[in-house]
Amino acid sequence: MTKCPPKSRSTDAADYQNGPRPIAAMSKMFEDGSEIASHHHSRDQFLYSVTGVMRVRTRAEAKVQWSNSLRSSAETLLAG
């Protein structure tokens, strides 16, 4: 039996904001020291880090996201 290669999924968060289901999942890897410009999600966002550490900033707070922990925020602003 021939295996099909895995389908490639979008890593653009905008592609997941208006989906037909209440929950959408997107996986994305970042190099050490990566930064993402301030942005807004129309849906809540759950962040999960398998390894490493993320610094997460919102309008109201700044937190450190350790690996193997989950965080939710409706307006997540990310910086490496």
C-alpha atoms as a PDB file:
ATOM      1  CA  MET A   1       0.000   0.000   0.000  1.00  0.00           C
ATOM      2  CA  THR A   2       1.373   3.411  -0.978  1.00  0.00           C
ATOM      3  CA  LYS A   3       1.246   6.117   1.668  1.00  0.00           C
ATOM      4  CA  CYS A   4       0.105   9.572   0.619  1.00  0.00           C
ATOM      5  CA  PRO A   5       2.244  12.483   1.781  1.00  0.00           C
ATOM      6  CA  PRO A   6       0.652  14.512   4.582  1.00  0.00           C
ATOM      7  CA  LYS A   7      -1.458  17.452   3.444  1.00  0.00           C
ATOM      8  CA  SER A   8       0.120  20.828   4.021  1.00  0.00           C
ATOM      9  CA  ARG A   9      -1.964  23.150   6.196  1.00  0.00           C
ATOM     10  CA  SER A  10      -1.821  26.911   6.188  1.00  0.00           C
ATOM     11  CA  THR A  11       0.308  28.614   8.842  1.00  0.00           C
ATOM     12  CA  ASP A  12      -1.444  31.951   8.242  1.00  0.00           C
ATOM     13  CA  ALA A  13      -3.694  32.697  11.244  1.00  0.00           C
ATOM     14  CA  ALA A  14      -6.046  34.747   9.036  1.00  0.00           C
ATOM     15  CA  ASP A  15      -7.075  31.529   7.279  1.00  0.00           C
ATOM     16  CA  TYR A  16      -8.571  30.229  10.554  1.00  0.00           C
ATOM     17  CA  GLN A  17     -10.534  33.265  11.782  1.00  0.00           C
ATOM     18  CA  ASN A  18     -13.823  32.715   9.924  1.00  0.00           C
ATOM     19  CA  GLY A  19     -14.051  28.947   9.654  1.00  0.00           C
ATOM     20  CA  PRO A  20     -17.329  27.033   9.829  1.00  0.00           C
ATOM     21  CA  ARG A  21     -16.387  25.284  13.094  1.00  0.00           C
ATOM     22  CA  PRO A  22     -16.095  26.843  16.553  1.00  0.00           C
ATOM     23  CA  ILE A  23     -12.508  25.602  16.929  1.00  0.00           C
ATOM     24  CA  ALA A  24      -9.624  25.564  14.466  1.00  0.00           C
ATOM     25  CA  ALA A  25      -6.094  24.284  15.028  1.00  0.00           C
ATOM     26  CA  MET A  26      -2.884  25.571  13.502  1.00  0.00           C
ATOM     27  CA  SER A  27       0.617  24.320  14.172  1.00  0.00           C
ATOM     28  CA  LYS A  28       3.578  26.594  13.577  1.00  0.00           C
ATOM     29  CA  MET A  29       7.257  26.368  14.458  1.00  0.00           C
ATOM     30  CA  PHE A  30       9.499  29.333  15.236  1.00  0.00           C
ATOM     31  CA  GLU A  31      13.247  29.726  15.357  1.00  0.00           C
ATOM     32  CA  ASP A  32      14.858  30.865  18.607  1.00  0.00           C
ATOM     33  CA  GLY A  33      14.505  34.625  19.030  1.00  0.00           C
ATOM     34  CA  SER A  34      11.610  34.949  16.541  1.00  0.00           C
ATOM     35  CA  GLU A  35       9.268  37.912  16.944  1.00  0.00           C
ATOM     36  CA  ILE A  36       5.774  38.483  15.598  1.00  0.00           C
ATOM     37  CA  ALA A  37       4.407  41.988  15.102  1.00  0.00           C
ATOM     38  CA  SER A  38       1.441  43.097  17.202  1.00  0.00           C
ATOM     39  CA  HIS A  39      -1.767  41.653  15.826  1.00  0.00           C
ATOM     40  CA  HIS A  40      -5.375  40.808  16.712  1.00  0.00           C
ATOM     41  CA  HIS A  41      -7.468  37.662  16.400  1.00  0.00           C
ATOM     42  CA  SER A  42     -11.232  37.825  16.009  1.00  0.00           C
ATOM     43  CA  ARG A  43     -11.415  34.455  17.838  1.00  0.00           C
ATOM     44  CA  ASP A  44      -9.818  33.442  21.094  1.00  0.00           C
ATOM     45  CA  GLN A  45      -6.370  31.968  20.722  1.00  0.00           C
ATOM     46  CA  PHE A  46      -4.908  29.068  22.698  1.00  0.00           C
ATOM     47  CA  LEU A  47      -1.133  28.928  22.816  1.00  0.00           C
ATOM     48  CA  TYR A  48       0.793  25.772  23.532  1.00  0.00           C
ATOM     49  CA  SER A  49       4.555  25.470  23.522  1.00  0.00           C
ATOM     50  CA  VAL A  50       5.996  21.970  23.174  1.00  0.00           C
ATOM     51  CA  THR A  51       9.523  23.195  23.909  1.00  0.00           C
ATOM     52  CA  GLY A  52      11.098  26.513  24.754  1.00  0.00           C
ATOM     53  CA  VAL A  53       9.584  29.670  26.191  1.00  0.00           C
ATOM     54  CA  MET A  54       7.317  32.362  24.710  1.00  0.00           C
ATOM     55  CA  ARG A  55       6.795  35.865  25.982  1.00  0.00           C
ATOM     56  CA  VAL A  56       3.131  36.777  25.462  1.00  0.00           C
ATOM     57  CA  ARG A  57       1.827  40.342  25.699  1.00  0.00           C
ATOM     58  CA  THR A  58      -1.755  41.583  25.548  1.00  0.00           C
ATOM     59  CA  ARG A  59      -3.163  45.048  26.143  1.00  0.00           C
ATOM     60  CA  ALA A  60      -3.758  44.097  29.765  1.00  0.00           C
ATOM     61  CA  GLU A  61      -0.731  41.985  30.712  1.00  0.00           C
ATOM     62  CA  ALA A  62       2.556  40.327  29.834  1.00  0.00           C
ATOM     63  CA  LYS A  63       3.274  36.696  30.695  1.00  0.00           C
ATOM     64  CA  VAL A  64       5.910  34.065  30.124  1.00  0.00           C
ATOM     65  CA  GLN A  65       4.604  30.928  28.409  1.00  0.00           C
ATOM     66  CA  TRP A  66       6.645  27.883  29.452  1.00  0.00           C
ATOM     67  CA  SER A  67       6.751  24.713  27.413  1.00  0.00           C
ATOM     68  CA  ASN A  68       3.976  22.186  28.057  1.00  0.00           C
ATOM     69  CA  SER A  69       1.577  24.864  29.332  1.00  0.00           C
ATOM     70  CA  LEU A  70      -1.581  26.323  27.800  1.00  0.00           C
ATOM     71  CA  ARG A  71      -2.716  29.949  27.648  1.00  0.00           C
ATOM     72  CA  SER A  72      -5.836  31.549  26.185  1.00  0.00           C
ATOM     73  CA  SER A  73      -6.327  35.155  25.187  1.00  0.00           C
ATOM     74  CA  ALA A  74      -8.830  36.893  22.928  1.00  0.00           C
ATOM     75  CA  GLU A  75      -6.342  39.622  21.964  1.00  0.00           C
ATOM     76  CA  THR A  76      -2.909  38.038  21.932  1.00  0.00           C
ATOM     77  CA  LEU A  77       0.100  40.051  20.957  1.00  0.00           C
ATOM     78  CA  LEU A  78       3.162  37.900  20.519  1.00  0.00           C
ATOM     79  CA  ALA A  79       6.819  38.703  20.769  1.00  0.00           C
ATOM     80  CA  GLY A  80       9.478  35.979  20.541  1.00  0.00           C
END
